[in-house]
Amino acid sequence: MRLLVTVKLPKNPEHDPRNKKTGPCPMNDGYMCTDVTGEHHTVLWTNSNGIFDAEEYFKGLGHHVTRIEELCE
């Protein structure tokens, strides 16, 4: 099962939604992001037995999960 897991990070005082910054994503190590200072970031999660496992995993890391979507195969 492949899932898109969106989490909300703590508010960044440097974030300007009218001037987004591209750079290394704070949630996806080694990958680029078009809004690095933004609060919401999405991760492709492939090691999951379901939505609830993914939610518990990210909550266990201290992240606030805002959305989980299953990808169609």
Protein backbone atom coordinates (compact mmCIF):
# COMPACT_ATOMS: atom_id res chain seq x y z
CA MET A 1 0.00 0.00 0.00
CA ARG A 2 1.32 3.44 -0.93
CA LEU A 3 0.07 6.47 0.94
CA LEU A 4 0.55 10.22 0.77
CA VAL A 5 0.87 11.46 4.35
CA THR A 6 0.61 15.20 4.96
CA VAL A 7 1.87 16.58 8.25
CA LYS A 8 1.80 20.04 9.78
CA LEU A 9 5.08 21.29 11.18
CA PRO A 10 5.35 24.09 13.74
CA LYS A 11 4.84 27.60 12.36
CA ASN A 12 8.02 29.08 10.92
CA PRO A 13 8.38 32.85 11.48
CA GLU A 14 10.39 33.07 8.23
CA HIS A 15 7.48 31.75 6.15
CA ASP A 16 6.08 34.18 3.58
CA PRO A 17 3.35 32.55 1.46
CA ARG A 18 3.85 35.25 -1.19
CA ASN A 19 7.59 34.51 -1.42
CA LYS A 20 8.00 30.75 -1.23
CA LYS A 21 11.51 29.34 -1.02
CA THR A 22 12.67 26.22 -2.87
CA GLY A 23 15.21 23.96 -1.21
CA PRO A 24 15.68 20.72 0.73
CA CYS A 25 12.37 19.51 2.15
CA PRO A 26 12.25 19.35 5.97
CA MET A 27 10.21 16.11 5.82
CA ASN A 28 11.78 14.33 2.83
CA ASP A 29 15.50 14.06 3.43
CA GLY A 30 17.40 14.38 0.17
CA TYR A 31 14.42 15.72 -1.81
CA MET A 32 13.49 19.21 -2.94
CA CYS A 33 10.46 21.22 -1.90
CA THR A 34 8.93 24.41 -3.34
CA ASP A 35 7.94 25.81 0.07
CA VAL A 36 10.63 24.81 2.59
CA THR A 37 9.46 27.27 5.27
CA GLY A 38 5.80 26.26 4.98
CA GLU A 39 3.94 24.27 7.62
CA HIS A 40 2.45 21.48 5.47
CA HIS A 41 4.60 18.78 3.88
CA THR A 42 3.66 15.49 2.22
CA VAL A 43 5.57 12.21 2.37
CA LEU A 44 5.16 9.13 0.17
CA TRP A 45 4.79 6.30 2.68
CA THR A 46 5.26 2.78 1.30
CA ASN A 47 6.02 0.71 4.41
CA SER A 48 2.54 0.62 5.81
CA ASN A 49 -0.15 -1.93 6.49
CA GLY A 50 -2.74 0.80 6.30
CA ILE A 51 -3.75 4.34 7.05
CA PHE A 52 -3.83 3.86 10.80
CA ASP A 53 -0.28 2.44 10.91
CA ALA A 54 1.03 5.45 9.00
CA GLU A 55 -0.86 7.86 11.24
CA GLU A 56 0.49 6.24 14.40
CA TYR A 57 4.04 6.23 13.01
CA PHE A 58 4.09 9.95 12.23
CA LYS A 59 2.29 10.86 15.46
CA GLY A 60 4.96 8.84 17.27
CA LEU A 61 7.57 11.12 15.70
CA GLY A 62 5.70 14.09 17.15
CA HIS A 63 4.06 15.25 13.90
CA HIS A 64 0.48 16.43 13.50
CA VAL A 65 -1.03 14.38 10.65
CA THR A 66 -3.48 16.46 8.64
CA ARG A 67 -4.27 14.12 5.76
CA ILE A 68 -3.60 10.62 4.44
CA GLU A 69 -4.48 9.51 0.93
CA GLU A 70 -4.14 6.05 -0.56
CA LEU A 71 -2.61 5.98 -4.05
CA CYS A 72 -4.41 4.04 -6.74
CA GLU A 73 -2.37 1.23 -8.25
